[in-house]
Every structure is written in structure tokens, then in C-alpha cells.
Amino acid sequence: MFFKRFRKHQPTTDAEFVAAYQATGDLELLGALYERHMELVYAVCFKYLRDEEESKDAVMQLFEQLVIDLRRHEVQHFRSWLHSIARNYCLMQLRSRRVQVEESIMARQRPEYEADDDLPADALQVITDDDDALDLEHNLNRMDGCLSVLPPEQKRCIELFYLEQKSYADVADQTGYDLKQVKSYLQNGRRNLKICMEKHHD
């Protein structure tokens, strides 16, 4: 009787869709509700992930997560709740990425890399020092902000060498700089990035 009532009265508000889905587990209802907010979810994902394909994948992954989560939680305001779910999902993805970046940085402090660099091995360690989840978004925003104020040559070399894990030769090939320039931009870029991040650390 309860299920028939929802069938006769097609949900119109978010709250009605949530109640109907929680009562029936009907994925069509959840799909219709999610479709209303897909642009919001994509916008949140793109804000944090900065990649179109990754953001699209995240939108699909989040729907699969909702299939379970929405039946487990009492949700009063679906739009704001969904925004938080999407945000937290992206932050966890970025946390995983930060671990990979840290491992890349540490790997690239082997002697064959250190031979050409004057900076200490922890020159970029400030990026990953604080693993407290409450500070994660702040740290990521701080790093992005400092990267954005670097000279474009330094910023590009930092992104290619550390974030995309390219070799010196690959960076030189993609940027058109010679190896000496690449190493100089990396050294100065790391120094400037470290100074900026320490300056804005609070």
C-alpha cells in the first residue's frame, strides 16, 4: 500500500524523491533525483579535480555511492548533503594523489637526481607535511595558490616533473627548454614554492 502511494503520486520535490527511494530502493527514482543535480556534482568535482574526464568519472562513481549511502542516512536537505558528499569524495581522491606526489618527490631525491640540485631533499616536503583531514583542503588550495604565482616556466616544469612524473628529458621535450634551463626552472621553482607556502602557512 505504501509503495503504491508513491507510484500514484510521482515525487516532485527532492524530499519526496529521497523518501520514495528510501522506501522502495527504486533506482529509477534515484536516477531522476540525481539527474536534477548532476551539473552541481560535476561543478564540485571539477573545482577540486581540475580534470574533465576525472570529474565525469567521479560523477558516475558518486551515483553508485548514493545507491547505498542514501538508504543509510537520514537526509533533510538533499542538495547540500550531496554537495558535501561530492566534496568529500574529491578530497579523498586528492589525498590519494598527494600520497603519490609525495612518493614521487621522495623517489626523485635519489642520488642521480640530487647530483644536479642544490636544494635539500625536503624542499617540497611542505606540500605533504600535514596529513590532518581537516587541513587537507586548505593545504591543497595553498599549494595551488602558490603554483599559480610562480613564473610560467617554473610552474610548467614543476607540474611536469613532479605531478606528471616526467623525466628531465621529457620536460625539455615538451617545453622546448634545454636541460640546463629545465633544471634551473625546477630549482628556482621549488625554492619559490617552498617560500610561498611557508609564508602562507597558518
Protein backbone atom coordinates (compact mmCIF):
# COMPACT_ATOMS: atom_id res chain seq x y z
CA MET A 1 0.00 0.00 0.00
CA PHE A 2 2.82 2.35 0.92
CA PHE A 3 4.68 1.60 -2.32
CA LYS A 4 1.54 2.07 -4.42
CA ARG A 5 1.08 5.52 -2.91
CA PHE A 6 4.43 6.62 -4.35
CA ARG A 7 3.60 5.09 -7.71
CA LYS A 8 0.37 7.04 -7.93
CA HIS A 9 1.97 10.25 -6.73
CA GLN A 10 5.15 10.87 -8.73
CA PRO A 11 7.66 12.69 -6.50
CA THR A 12 8.30 16.32 -7.36
CA THR A 13 10.50 17.68 -4.57
CA ASP A 14 13.91 16.43 -3.52
CA ALA A 15 12.48 15.37 -0.17
CA GLU A 16 9.77 13.33 -1.87
CA PHE A 17 12.30 11.64 -4.14
CA VAL A 18 14.51 10.80 -1.15
CA ALA A 19 11.61 9.37 0.81
CA ALA A 20 10.40 7.36 -2.17
CA TYR A 21 13.83 5.93 -2.88
CA GLN A 22 14.47 5.08 0.75
CA ALA A 23 11.13 3.31 0.90
CA THR A 24 11.40 1.39 -2.36
CA GLY A 25 15.07 1.22 -3.38
CA ASP A 26 13.91 2.06 -6.91
CA LEU A 27 17.00 3.11 -8.89
CA GLU A 28 14.86 4.95 -11.42
CA LEU A 29 13.76 7.29 -8.66
CA LEU A 30 17.33 7.82 -7.54
CA GLY A 31 18.41 8.39 -11.14
CA ALA A 32 15.72 11.00 -11.65
CA LEU A 33 16.73 12.75 -8.42
CA TYR A 34 20.43 12.63 -9.24
CA GLU A 35 19.88 13.95 -12.74
CA ARG A 36 18.46 17.11 -11.21
CA HIS A 37 21.77 17.81 -9.51
CA MET A 38 24.34 16.38 -11.92
CA GLU A 39 25.52 19.82 -13.01
CA LEU A 40 26.16 20.73 -9.39
CA VAL A 41 28.05 17.48 -8.76
CA TYR A 42 30.16 17.93 -11.88
CA ALA A 43 30.95 21.54 -10.95
CA VAL A 44 32.08 20.49 -7.47
CA CYS A 45 34.21 17.67 -8.87
CA PHE A 46 35.82 19.87 -11.50
CA LYS A 47 36.58 22.55 -8.90
CA TYR A 48 38.69 20.08 -6.94
CA LEU A 49 39.95 17.61 -9.55
CA ARG A 50 40.60 20.16 -12.33
CA ASP A 51 40.19 17.49 -14.99
CA GLU A 52 37.16 16.98 -17.23
CA GLU A 53 37.39 13.19 -17.60
CA GLU A 54 38.19 12.61 -13.93
CA SER A 55 35.23 14.78 -12.99
CA LYS A 56 32.90 12.82 -15.27
CA ASP A 57 34.14 9.57 -13.75
CA ALA A 58 33.61 11.00 -10.28
CA VAL A 59 30.00 11.88 -11.14
CA MET A 60 29.36 8.24 -12.07
CA GLN A 61 31.18 6.90 -9.01
CA LEU A 62 29.19 9.18 -6.74
CA PHE A 63 25.91 7.88 -8.13
CA GLU A 64 26.99 4.34 -7.28
CA GLN A 65 27.93 5.53 -3.80
CA LEU A 66 24.50 7.14 -3.36
CA VAL A 67 22.76 3.85 -4.10
CA ILE A 68 23.96 2.67 -0.70
CA ASP A 69 24.55 5.88 1.27
CA LEU A 70 21.14 7.42 0.68
CA ARG A 71 19.42 4.39 2.20
CA ARG A 72 21.67 4.51 5.28
CA HIS A 73 21.40 8.16 6.20
CA GLU A 74 18.59 10.46 7.17
CA VAL A 75 18.80 13.38 4.75
CA GLN A 76 16.94 16.61 5.43
CA HIS A 77 18.38 18.81 2.68
CA PHE A 78 19.46 16.65 -0.23
CA ARG A 79 21.23 19.32 -2.31
CA SER A 80 23.53 20.47 0.49
CA TRP A 81 24.09 16.87 1.63
CA LEU A 82 25.01 15.85 -1.92
CA HIS A 83 27.38 18.80 -2.19
CA SER A 84 29.18 17.60 0.95
CA ILE A 85 29.31 14.02 -0.32
CA ALA A 86 30.82 15.15 -3.63
CA ARG A 87 33.29 17.45 -1.92
CA ASN A 88 34.46 14.77 0.50
CA TYR A 89 34.80 12.24 -2.31
CA CYS A 90 37.04 14.62 -4.27
CA LEU A 91 39.14 15.44 -1.22
CA MET A 92 39.77 11.76 -0.68
CA GLN A 93 40.86 11.45 -4.31
CA LEU A 94 43.21 14.38 -3.81
CA ARG A 95 44.53 12.87 -0.60
CA SER A 96 45.44 9.74 -2.57
CA ARG A 97 47.04 11.92 -5.23
CA ARG A 98 49.07 13.77 -2.60
CA VAL A 99 50.47 10.47 -1.35
CA GLN A 100 51.50 9.61 -4.91
CA VAL A 101 53.13 13.03 -5.33
CA GLU A 102 55.00 12.59 -2.06
CA GLU A 103 56.27 9.19 -3.17
CA SER A 104 57.31 10.68 -6.49
CA ILE A 105 59.17 13.51 -4.78
CA MET A 106 60.94 11.14 -2.42
CA ALA A 107 61.87 8.82 -5.31
CA ARG A 108 63.33 11.73 -7.21
CA GLN A 109 65.65 12.57 -4.35
CA ARG A 110 67.84 9.57 -5.22
CA PRO A 111 71.50 10.46 -5.93
CA GLU A 112 71.02 10.60 -9.70
CA TYR A 113 68.60 13.47 -9.20
CA GLU A 114 70.34 15.14 -6.29
CA ALA A 115 73.57 15.45 -8.26
CA ASP A 116 72.12 18.34 -10.22
CA ASP A 117 70.16 20.01 -7.43
CA ASP A 118 71.29 22.20 -4.57
CA LEU A 119 68.07 22.05 -2.58
CA PRO A 120 67.70 19.72 0.41
CA ALA A 121 65.67 16.53 -0.04
CA ASP A 122 62.70 18.02 1.79
CA ALA A 123 62.47 21.09 -0.41
CA LEU A 124 58.88 20.29 -1.37
CA GLN A 125 58.02 18.31 1.73
CA VAL A 126 55.92 21.22 2.97
CA ILE A 127 53.31 20.12 0.43
CA THR A 128 52.66 16.87 2.26
CA ASP A 129 53.72 17.51 5.85
CA ASP A 130 50.22 17.88 7.28
CA ASP A 131 48.02 14.82 6.81
CA ASP A 132 45.22 16.05 9.04
CA ALA A 133 41.99 15.68 7.08
CA LEU A 134 40.68 18.95 8.48
CA ASP A 135 43.60 20.80 6.88
CA LEU A 136 43.67 18.90 3.62
CA GLU A 137 41.61 21.32 1.54
CA HIS A 138 43.48 24.30 2.98
CA ASN A 139 46.84 22.76 2.10
CA LEU A 140 45.76 21.88 -1.41
CA ASN A 141 44.41 25.37 -2.00
CA ARG A 142 47.60 26.84 -0.59
CA MET A 143 49.71 24.74 -2.95
CA ASP A 144 47.53 25.65 -5.94
CA GLY A 145 47.67 29.31 -4.99
CA CYS A 146 51.46 29.28 -4.75
CA LEU A 147 51.85 27.38 -8.01
CA SER A 148 49.70 29.98 -9.73
CA VAL A 149 52.04 32.85 -8.79
CA LEU A 150 55.21 31.13 -9.99
CA PRO A 151 56.69 32.35 -13.27
CA PRO A 152 55.06 30.26 -16.03
CA GLU A 153 58.33 28.48 -16.91
CA GLN A 154 58.84 27.36 -13.30
CA LYS A 155 55.20 26.37 -12.85
CA ARG A 156 55.17 24.26 -16.00
CA CYS A 157 58.38 22.45 -15.12
CA ILE A 158 57.19 21.75 -11.55
CA GLU A 159 53.89 20.33 -12.84
CA LEU A 160 55.53 18.12 -15.45
CA PHE A 161 58.39 16.86 -13.30
CA TYR A 162 56.52 16.22 -10.03
CA LEU A 163 52.80 15.99 -10.71
CA GLU A 164 53.08 14.20 -14.06
CA GLN A 165 56.31 12.39 -13.12
CA LYS A 166 58.16 13.28 -16.31
CA SER A 167 61.92 12.95 -16.65
CA TYR A 168 64.24 15.91 -17.25
CA ALA A 169 64.41 14.90 -20.91
CA ASP A 170 60.62 14.65 -21.18
CA VAL A 171 60.17 18.09 -19.63
CA ALA A 172 62.72 19.56 -22.02
CA ASP A 173 61.00 17.89 -24.96
CA GLN A 174 57.52 19.12 -24.01
CA THR A 175 58.54 22.66 -23.12
CA GLY A 176 61.26 23.32 -25.64
CA TYR A 177 63.72 24.32 -22.90
CA ASP A 178 67.18 22.79 -22.84
CA LEU A 179 68.16 20.55 -19.92
CA LYS A 180 70.10 23.31 -18.19
CA GLN A 181 67.07 25.59 -18.29
CA VAL A 182 64.77 22.81 -17.05
CA LYS A 183 66.98 22.13 -14.03
CA SER A 184 67.28 25.84 -13.30
CA TYR A 185 63.50 26.38 -13.52
CA LEU A 186 62.92 23.37 -11.26
CA GLN A 187 65.42 24.52 -8.67
CA ASN A 188 64.15 28.10 -8.58
CA GLY A 189 60.53 26.98 -8.79
CA ARG A 190 60.87 24.65 -5.83
CA ARG A 191 62.58 27.33 -3.80
CA ASN A 192 59.90 29.90 -4.61
CA LEU A 193 57.11 27.40 -3.97
CA LYS A 194 58.55 26.46 -0.59
CA ILE A 195 58.96 30.12 0.41
CA CYS A 196 55.41 30.95 -0.66
CA MET A 197 53.84 28.00 1.15
CA GLU A 198 55.77 28.66 4.35
CA LYS A 199 54.78 32.33 4.15
CA HIS A 200 51.10 31.43 3.93
CA HIS A 201 51.23 28.63 6.48
CA ASP A 202 48.92 29.31 9.43
